[in-house]
Amino acid sequence: MTEKEFVKALNKLGIDIDEDKLGKLDKYYHILIEKNKIMNLTNIIRKEEVYLKHYYDSLTISLVINFNKQKSLCDIGTGAGFPGIVLKILFPHLKVVLIDSLAKRITFLNEVIEELDLKDIEVIHVRAEDYARKNNKKFDVVVSRAVAKLNILNELCLPLVKIGGCFISMKGYADEELKNIDKNLAELNSEILEIKRFLLPLEESQRTLIKIKKINSINKKYPREFKEIKKKPL
């Protein structure tokens, strides 16, 4: 996906992008590629592929939520900053927290934030379950992109969401994970609002956005320790 194709594709999503934001995405790309030479941040390094599989893919989340009406966002397992940093660049009014458990990624993300002069964005080196226990009902939106299975992610992410807010799980093919998920969501006082399936442009690979609304408070015993969540998912 060339930069021109990227801009056109965003327009189809209802997203306008100016030269300043394009410039920041370009700078982000160059920092990513340079740092990727010394640490494993991504296997996707061609500019056209980064713009398609990281930048555009991150922004497809706008198919299920209007970020112009949101204030705070948490990206769980952000990795090299997808989708969190991309969303912050395109929607600078968002107050963003990026969570990752790998220290070298934290160092990289802080460098990107400084180089791009991004404001109201914080990177925290912590396990998701530990952060969730101390930040109950803090965010309008929580997102996670290709991190873990849905029945695990729900327990890690939904406690962070404000009542009435949403958790959005970004996945490839997700039909198997959606089977028998109702019991899991009932225990977490949440419900699926929307499931959006589509193909990524050009390469036509499967994508699924799962939008889950938190309808009431969640028992404070959640999230459990990760080893317990993984051993016995809800």
C-alpha atoms as a PDB file:
ATOM      1  CA  MET A   1       0.000   0.000   0.000  1.00  0.00           C
ATOM      2  CA  THR A   2       1.604   3.232  -1.161  1.00  0.00           C
ATOM      3  CA  GLU A   3       1.111   6.441   0.802  1.00  0.00           C
ATOM      4  CA  LYS A   4      -1.438   7.625  -1.786  1.00  0.00           C
ATOM      5  CA  GLU A   5      -3.334   4.336  -1.535  1.00  0.00           C
ATOM      6  CA  PHE A   6      -3.190   4.649   2.255  1.00  0.00           C
ATOM      7  CA  VAL A   7      -4.749   8.117   2.190  1.00  0.00           C
ATOM      8  CA  LYS A   8      -7.518   6.965  -0.160  1.00  0.00           C
ATOM      9  CA  ALA A   9      -8.208   3.907   1.991  1.00  0.00           C
ATOM     10  CA  LEU A  10      -8.465   6.080   5.109  1.00  0.00           C
ATOM     11  CA  ASN A  11     -10.913   8.386   3.342  1.00  0.00           C
ATOM     12  CA  LYS A  12     -13.112   5.353   2.722  1.00  0.00           C
ATOM     13  CA  LEU A  13     -12.999   4.707   6.480  1.00  0.00           C
ATOM     14  CA  GLY A  14     -14.116   8.295   7.036  1.00  0.00           C
ATOM     15  CA  ILE A  15     -10.711   9.393   8.335  1.00  0.00           C
ATOM     16  CA  ASP A  16      -9.089  12.601   7.120  1.00  0.00           C
ATOM     17  CA  ILE A  17      -5.302  12.848   7.325  1.00  0.00           C
ATOM     18  CA  ASP A  18      -3.158  15.956   6.851  1.00  0.00           C
ATOM     19  CA  GLU A  19       0.514  16.443   5.959  1.00  0.00           C
ATOM     20  CA  ASP A  20       1.583  16.737   9.595  1.00  0.00           C
ATOM     21  CA  LYS A  21       0.088  13.349  10.475  1.00  0.00           C
ATOM     22  CA  LEU A  22       1.514  11.762   7.320  1.00  0.00           C
ATOM     23  CA  GLY A  23       4.904  13.158   8.257  1.00  0.00           C
ATOM     24  CA  LYS A  24       4.702  11.637  11.726  1.00  0.00           C
ATOM     25  CA  LEU A  25       3.748   8.237  10.299  1.00  0.00           C
ATOM     26  CA  ASP A  26       6.709   8.428   7.909  1.00  0.00           C
ATOM     27  CA  LYS A  27       9.076   9.307  10.757  1.00  0.00           C
ATOM     28  CA  TYR A  28       7.603   6.505  12.857  1.00  0.00           C
ATOM     29  CA  TYR A  29       8.316   4.094  10.007  1.00  0.00           C
ATOM     30  CA  HIS A  30      11.967   5.124   9.769  1.00  0.00           C
ATOM     31  CA  ILE A  31      12.483   4.819  13.535  1.00  0.00           C
ATOM     32  CA  LEU A  32      10.806   1.397  13.492  1.00  0.00           C
ATOM     33  CA  ILE A  33      13.003   0.085  10.682  1.00  0.00           C
ATOM     34  CA  GLU A  34      16.208   1.473  12.191  1.00  0.00           C
ATOM     35  CA  LYS A  35      15.514  -0.015  15.634  1.00  0.00           C
ATOM     36  CA  ASN A  36      14.354  -3.276  14.092  1.00  0.00           C
ATOM     37  CA  LYS A  37      17.961  -3.859  13.003  1.00  0.00           C
ATOM     38  CA  ILE A  38      18.993  -4.328  16.624  1.00  0.00           C
ATOM     39  CA  MET A  39      15.801  -5.661  18.242  1.00  0.00           C
ATOM     40  CA  ASN A  40      12.952  -7.826  16.974  1.00  0.00           C
ATOM     41  CA  LEU A  41      10.021  -5.427  16.721  1.00  0.00           C
ATOM     42  CA  THR A  42       8.364  -6.649  13.512  1.00  0.00           C
ATOM     43  CA  ASN A  43       8.885  -9.063  10.642  1.00  0.00           C
ATOM     44  CA  ILE A  44       7.152  -6.575   8.347  1.00  0.00           C
ATOM     45  CA  ILE A  45       9.723  -4.067   7.093  1.00  0.00           C
ATOM     46  CA  ARG A  46       8.811  -3.021   3.517  1.00  0.00           C
ATOM     47  CA  LYS A  47       7.217   0.418   3.664  1.00  0.00           C
ATOM     48  CA  GLU A  48       4.183  -0.611   1.598  1.00  0.00           C
ATOM     49  CA  GLU A  49       3.564  -3.570   3.928  1.00  0.00           C
ATOM     50  CA  VAL A  50       3.973  -1.492   7.094  1.00  0.00           C
ATOM     51  CA  TYR A  51       1.412   1.000   5.787  1.00  0.00           C
ATOM     52  CA  LEU A  52      -1.031  -1.809   4.985  1.00  0.00           C
ATOM     53  CA  LYS A  53      -0.486  -4.404   7.721  1.00  0.00           C
ATOM     54  CA  HIS A  54       0.365  -2.084  10.610  1.00  0.00           C
ATOM     55  CA  TYR A  55      -0.903   1.448   9.925  1.00  0.00           C
ATOM     56  CA  TYR A  56      -4.075   0.807   7.929  1.00  0.00           C
ATOM     57  CA  ASP A  57      -4.867  -2.358   9.876  1.00  0.00           C
ATOM     58  CA  SER A  58      -4.600  -0.407  13.146  1.00  0.00           C
ATOM     59  CA  LEU A  59      -7.027   2.205  11.860  1.00  0.00           C
ATOM     60  CA  THR A  60      -9.690  -0.257  10.727  1.00  0.00           C
ATOM     61  CA  ILE A  61     -10.843  -0.192  14.345  1.00  0.00           C
ATOM     62  CA  SER A  62     -12.671   3.003  13.367  1.00  0.00           C
ATOM     63  CA  LEU A  63     -15.151   0.743  11.544  1.00  0.00           C
ATOM     64  CA  VAL A  64     -16.713  -0.071  14.918  1.00  0.00           C
ATOM     65  CA  ILE A  65     -16.051   3.031  17.013  1.00  0.00           C
ATOM     66  CA  ASN A  66     -15.955   6.793  16.487  1.00  0.00           C
ATOM     67  CA  PHE A  67     -12.719   7.965  18.096  1.00  0.00           C
ATOM     68  CA  ASN A  68     -13.713  11.601  17.753  1.00  0.00           C
ATOM     69  CA  LYS A  69     -16.222  10.928  20.558  1.00  0.00           C
ATOM     70  CA  GLN A  70     -13.779   9.105  22.869  1.00  0.00           C
ATOM     71  CA  LYS A  71     -11.365  10.562  25.430  1.00  0.00           C
ATOM     72  CA  SER A  72      -9.183   7.812  26.890  1.00  0.00           C
ATOM     73  CA  LEU A  73      -7.708   4.648  25.410  1.00  0.00           C
ATOM     74  CA  CYS A  74      -5.543   1.800  26.678  1.00  0.00           C
ATOM     75  CA  ASP A  75      -3.660  -0.513  24.299  1.00  0.00           C
ATOM     76  CA  ILE A  76      -2.902  -3.868  25.946  1.00  0.00           C
ATOM     77  CA  GLY A  77       0.137  -5.697  24.568  1.00  0.00           C
ATOM     78  CA  THR A  78       0.974  -2.809  22.247  1.00  0.00           C
ATOM     79  CA  GLY A  79       4.221  -4.332  20.950  1.00  0.00           C
ATOM     80  CA  ALA A  80       5.789  -1.817  18.563  1.00  0.00           C
ATOM     81  CA  GLY A  81       2.873   0.574  19.114  1.00  0.00           C
ATOM     82  CA  PHE A  82       0.067  -0.948  17.061  1.00  0.00           C
ATOM     83  CA  PRO A  83      -2.633   0.230  17.202  1.00  0.00           C
ATOM     84  CA  GLY A  84      -1.995   2.688  20.063  1.00  0.00           C
ATOM     85  CA  ILE A  85       0.584   5.048  18.588  1.00  0.00           C
ATOM     86  CA  VAL A  86      -1.099   5.075  15.168  1.00  0.00           C
ATOM     87  CA  LEU A  87      -4.414   5.984  16.817  1.00  0.00           C
ATOM     88  CA  LYS A  88      -2.712   8.724  18.839  1.00  0.00           C
ATOM     89  CA  ILE A  89      -1.200  10.243  15.684  1.00  0.00           C
ATOM     90  CA  LEU A  90      -4.525  10.246  13.821  1.00  0.00           C
ATOM     91  CA  PHE A  91      -6.646  11.237  16.839  1.00  0.00           C
ATOM     92  CA  PRO A  92      -4.325  13.475  18.906  1.00  0.00           C
ATOM     93  CA  HIS A  93      -7.053  14.427  21.412  1.00  0.00           C
ATOM     94  CA  LEU A  94      -7.002  10.882  22.835  1.00  0.00           C
ATOM     95  CA  LYS A  95      -5.320  10.318  26.187  1.00  0.00           C
ATOM     96  CA  VAL A  96      -3.453   7.060  25.532  1.00  0.00           C
ATOM     97  CA  VAL A  97      -1.772   4.472  27.747  1.00  0.00           C
ATOM     98  CA  LEU A  98       0.353   1.762  26.116  1.00  0.00           C
ATOM     99  CA  ILE A  99       0.946  -1.446  28.099  1.00  0.00           C
ATOM    100  CA  ASP A 100       3.656  -3.998  27.342  1.00  0.00           C
ATOM    101  CA  SER A 101       5.568  -6.531  29.417  1.00  0.00           C
ATOM    102  CA  LEU A 102       8.838  -6.386  27.427  1.00  0.00           C
ATOM    103  CA  ALA A 103      11.297  -3.716  28.594  1.00  0.00           C
ATOM    104  CA  LYS A 104      13.067  -3.235  25.253  1.00  0.00           C
ATOM    105  CA  ARG A 105       9.764  -2.377  23.590  1.00  0.00           C
ATOM    106  CA  ILE A 106       9.083   0.227  26.274  1.00  0.00           C
ATOM    107  CA  THR A 107      12.404   1.912  25.486  1.00  0.00           C
ATOM    108  CA  PHE A 108      11.556   1.945  21.774  1.00  0.00           C
ATOM    109  CA  LEU A 109       8.046   3.316  22.331  1.00  0.00           C
ATOM    110  CA  ASN A 110       9.311   6.127  24.558  1.00  0.00           C
ATOM    111  CA  GLU A 111      11.801   7.096  21.841  1.00  0.00           C
ATOM    112  CA  VAL A 112       9.020   7.205  19.230  1.00  0.00           C
ATOM    113  CA  ILE A 113       6.866   9.374  21.501  1.00  0.00           C
ATOM    114  CA  GLU A 114       9.747  11.794  22.097  1.00  0.00           C
ATOM    115  CA  GLU A 115      10.779  11.961  18.431  1.00  0.00           C
ATOM    116  CA  LEU A 116       7.206  12.559  17.261  1.00  0.00           C
ATOM    117  CA  ASP A 117       6.531  15.013  20.109  1.00  0.00           C
ATOM    118  CA  LEU A 118       3.338  13.226  21.120  1.00  0.00           C
ATOM    119  CA  LYS A 119       1.506  14.545  24.186  1.00  0.00           C
ATOM    120  CA  ASP A 120      -0.859  12.841  26.673  1.00  0.00           C
ATOM    121  CA  ILE A 121       0.516   9.381  25.932  1.00  0.00           C
ATOM    122  CA  GLU A 122       2.180   7.111  28.493  1.00  0.00           C
ATOM    123  CA  VAL A 123       4.059   3.824  28.168  1.00  0.00           C
ATOM    124  CA  ILE A 124       4.004   1.431  31.125  1.00  0.00           C
ATOM    125  CA  HIS A 125       6.166  -1.660  31.591  1.00  0.00           C
ATOM    126  CA  VAL A 126       3.782  -3.989  33.423  1.00  0.00           C
ATOM    127  CA  ARG A 127       1.819  -7.193  32.995  1.00  0.00           C
ATOM    128  CA  ALA A 128      -1.756  -6.534  31.896  1.00  0.00           C
ATOM    129  CA  GLU A 129      -3.353  -8.320  34.854  1.00  0.00           C
ATOM    130  CA  ASP A 130      -1.300  -6.323  37.375  1.00  0.00           C
ATOM    131  CA  TYR A 131      -2.199  -3.030  35.717  1.00  0.00           C
ATOM    132  CA  ALA A 132      -5.891  -3.950  35.477  1.00  0.00           C
ATOM    133  CA  ARG A 133      -6.155  -4.662  39.211  1.00  0.00           C
ATOM    134  CA  LYS A 134      -5.029  -1.118  40.050  1.00  0.00           C
ATOM    135  CA  ASN A 135      -6.877   0.734  37.278  1.00  0.00           C
ATOM    136  CA  ASN A 136     -10.437  -0.520  37.454  1.00  0.00           C
ATOM    137  CA  LYS A 137     -12.961   1.327  35.248  1.00  0.00           C
ATOM    138  CA  LYS A 138     -10.402   3.870  34.013  1.00  0.00           C
ATOM    139  CA  PHE A 139     -10.778   3.958  30.201  1.00  0.00           C
ATOM    140  CA  ASP A 140     -13.463   4.754  27.637  1.00  0.00           C
ATOM    141  CA  VAL A 141     -11.895   2.271  25.213  1.00  0.00           C
ATOM    142  CA  VAL A 142      -9.470  -0.626  25.649  1.00  0.00           C
ATOM    143  CA  VAL A 143      -7.961  -2.265  22.577  1.00  0.00           C
ATOM    144  CA  SER A 144      -5.784  -5.288  21.942  1.00  0.00           C
ATOM    145  CA  ARG A 145      -4.415  -6.476  18.617  1.00  0.00           C
ATOM    146  CA  ALA A 146      -3.447 -10.123  18.079  1.00  0.00           C
ATOM    147  CA  VAL A 147      -2.297 -10.709  21.673  1.00  0.00           C
ATOM    148  CA  ALA A 148      -4.170 -13.721  23.103  1.00  0.00           C
ATOM    149  CA  LYS A 149      -7.368 -15.728  22.775  1.00  0.00           C
ATOM    150  CA  LEU A 150     -10.601 -13.837  23.394  1.00  0.00           C
ATOM    151  CA  ASN A 151     -11.597 -15.745  26.540  1.00  0.00           C
ATOM    152  CA  ILE A 152      -8.260 -14.695  28.089  1.00  0.00           C
ATOM    153  CA  LEU A 153      -8.260 -11.130  26.765  1.00  0.00           C
ATOM    154  CA  ASN A 154     -11.731 -10.403  28.099  1.00  0.00           C
ATOM    155  CA  GLU A 155     -10.638 -11.060  31.677  1.00  0.00           C
ATOM    156  CA  LEU A 156      -7.485  -8.962  31.258  1.00  0.00           C
ATOM    157  CA  CYS A 157      -9.066  -6.013  29.472  1.00  0.00           C
ATOM    158  CA  LEU A 158     -12.692  -5.575  30.550  1.00  0.00           C
ATOM    159  CA  PRO A 159     -11.909  -4.625  34.169  1.00  0.00           C
ATOM    160  CA  LEU A 160     -10.096  -1.553  32.773  1.00  0.00           C
ATOM    161  CA  VAL A 161     -13.173  -0.352  30.862  1.00  0.00           C
ATOM    162  CA  LYS A 162     -15.577   2.210  32.298  1.00  0.00           C
ATOM    163  CA  ILE A 163     -19.176   1.034  32.658  1.00  0.00           C
ATOM    164  CA  GLY A 164     -20.748   1.761  29.291  1.00  0.00           C
ATOM    165  CA  GLY A 165     -17.342   1.774  27.596  1.00  0.00           C
ATOM    166  CA  CYS A 166     -15.946  -0.798  25.188  1.00  0.00           C
ATOM    167  CA  PHE A 167     -13.192  -3.333  24.723  1.00  0.00           C
ATOM    168  CA  ILE A 168     -12.294  -3.967  21.083  1.00  0.00           C
ATOM    169  CA  SER A 169     -10.363  -7.095  20.182  1.00  0.00           C
ATOM    170  CA  MET A 170      -8.614  -6.954  16.801  1.00  0.00           C
ATOM    171  CA  LYS A 171      -8.083 -10.364  15.240  1.00  0.00           C
ATOM    172  CA  GLY A 172      -7.676 -12.302  12.026  1.00  0.00           C
ATOM    173  CA  TYR A 173     -10.023 -15.274  11.794  1.00  0.00           C
ATOM    174  CA  ALA A 174     -11.898 -15.460  15.111  1.00  0.00           C
ATOM    175  CA  ASP A 175     -14.938 -17.729  14.637  1.00  0.00           C
ATOM    176  CA  GLU A 176     -13.545 -20.498  16.857  1.00  0.00           C
ATOM    177  CA  GLU A 177     -12.774 -18.055  19.674  1.00  0.00           C
ATOM    178  CA  LEU A 178     -16.310 -16.684  19.531  1.00  0.00           C
ATOM    179  CA  LYS A 179     -17.871 -20.090  20.144  1.00  0.00           C
ATOM    180  CA  ASN A 180     -19.223 -20.464  23.703  1.00  0.00           C
ATOM    181  CA  ILE A 181     -17.989 -16.972  24.672  1.00  0.00           C
ATOM    182  CA  ASP A 182     -21.362 -15.961  26.191  1.00  0.00           C
ATOM    183  CA  LYS A 183     -20.653 -17.555  29.593  1.00  0.00           C
ATOM    184  CA  ASN A 184     -17.300 -15.777  29.740  1.00  0.00           C
ATOM    185  CA  LEU A 185     -18.925 -12.415  29.017  1.00  0.00           C
ATOM    186  CA  ALA A 186     -21.791 -12.971  31.439  1.00  0.00           C
ATOM    187  CA  GLU A 187     -19.296 -13.550  34.261  1.00  0.00           C
ATOM    188  CA  LEU A 188     -17.634 -10.258  33.311  1.00  0.00           C
ATOM    189  CA  ASN A 189     -20.932  -8.332  33.058  1.00  0.00           C
ATOM    190  CA  SER A 190     -20.342  -7.513  29.402  1.00  0.00           C
ATOM    191  CA  GLU A 191     -21.905  -8.211  26.017  1.00  0.00           C
ATOM    192  CA  ILE A 192     -20.906  -8.213  22.361  1.00  0.00           C
ATOM    193  CA  LEU A 193     -22.238  -5.153  20.559  1.00  0.00           C
ATOM    194  CA  GLU A 194     -20.794  -5.845  17.124  1.00  0.00           C
ATOM    195  CA  ILE A 195     -18.654  -8.295  15.179  1.00  0.00           C
ATOM    196  CA  LYS A 196     -17.162  -6.807  12.017  1.00  0.00           C
ATOM    197  CA  ARG A 197     -15.573  -9.204   9.528  1.00  0.00           C
ATOM    198  CA  PHE A 198     -13.758  -7.887   6.461  1.00  0.00           C
ATOM    199  CA  LEU A 199     -10.774  -8.457   4.186  1.00  0.00           C
ATOM    200  CA  LEU A 200      -7.654  -6.318   4.337  1.00  0.00           C
ATOM    201  CA  PRO A 201      -7.258  -4.477   1.008  1.00  0.00           C
ATOM    202  CA  LEU A 202      -4.824  -5.721  -1.626  1.00  0.00           C
ATOM    203  CA  GLU A 203      -3.813  -8.976   0.091  1.00  0.00           C
ATOM    204  CA  GLU A 204      -7.398  -9.860   1.131  1.00  0.00           C
ATOM    205  CA  SER A 205      -6.521 -11.529   4.436  1.00  0.00           C
ATOM    206  CA  GLN A 206      -9.289 -12.054   7.019  1.00  0.00           C
ATOM    207  CA  ARG A 207      -9.807  -9.493   9.797  1.00  0.00           C
ATOM    208  CA  THR A 208     -12.330  -9.477  12.653  1.00  0.00           C
ATOM    209  CA  LEU A 209     -13.182  -6.649  15.049  1.00  0.00           C
ATOM    210  CA  ILE A 210     -15.069  -7.705  18.183  1.00  0.00           C
ATOM    211  CA  LYS A 211     -16.689  -4.813  20.058  1.00  0.00           C
ATOM    212  CA  ILE A 212     -17.679  -5.647  23.631  1.00  0.00           C
ATOM    213  CA  LYS A 213     -19.581  -3.307  25.942  1.00  0.00           C
ATOM    214  CA  LYS A 214     -19.158  -3.357  29.712  1.00  0.00           C
ATOM    215  CA  ILE A 215     -22.647  -3.126  31.173  1.00  0.00           C
ATOM    216  CA  ASN A 216     -21.892  -3.288  34.909  1.00  0.00           C
ATOM    217  CA  SER A 217     -19.102  -3.585  37.474  1.00  0.00           C
ATOM    218  CA  ILE A 218     -16.975  -6.735  37.421  1.00  0.00           C
ATOM    219  CA  ASN A 219     -16.146  -8.815  40.487  1.00  0.00           C
ATOM    220  CA  LYS A 220     -12.872  -7.506  41.920  1.00  0.00           C
ATOM    221  CA  LYS A 221     -11.366 -11.000  41.947  1.00  0.00           C
ATOM    222  CA  TYR A 222     -10.854 -10.463  38.194  1.00  0.00           C
ATOM    223  CA  PRO A 223      -8.403 -10.471  36.588  1.00  0.00           C
ATOM    224  CA  ARG A 224      -6.775 -13.470  38.251  1.00  0.00           C
ATOM    225  CA  GLU A 225      -3.089 -14.334  37.951  1.00  0.00           C
ATOM    226  CA  PHE A 226      -2.226 -15.004  34.320  1.00  0.00           C
ATOM    227  CA  LYS A 227      -1.197 -18.613  34.889  1.00  0.00           C
ATOM    228  CA  GLU A 228      -4.636 -19.240  36.425  1.00  0.00           C
ATOM    229  CA  ILE A 229      -6.440 -17.447  33.577  1.00  0.00           C
ATOM    230  CA  LYS A 230      -4.540 -19.500  31.021  1.00  0.00           C
ATOM    231  CA  LYS A 231      -5.032 -22.780  32.885  1.00  0.00           C
ATOM    232  CA  LYS A 232      -8.753 -22.260  33.456  1.00  0.00           C
ATOM    233  CA  PRO A 233     -10.282 -19.527  31.249  1.00  0.00           C
ATOM    234  CA  LEU A 234     -13.769 -18.329  32.189  1.00  0.00           C
END
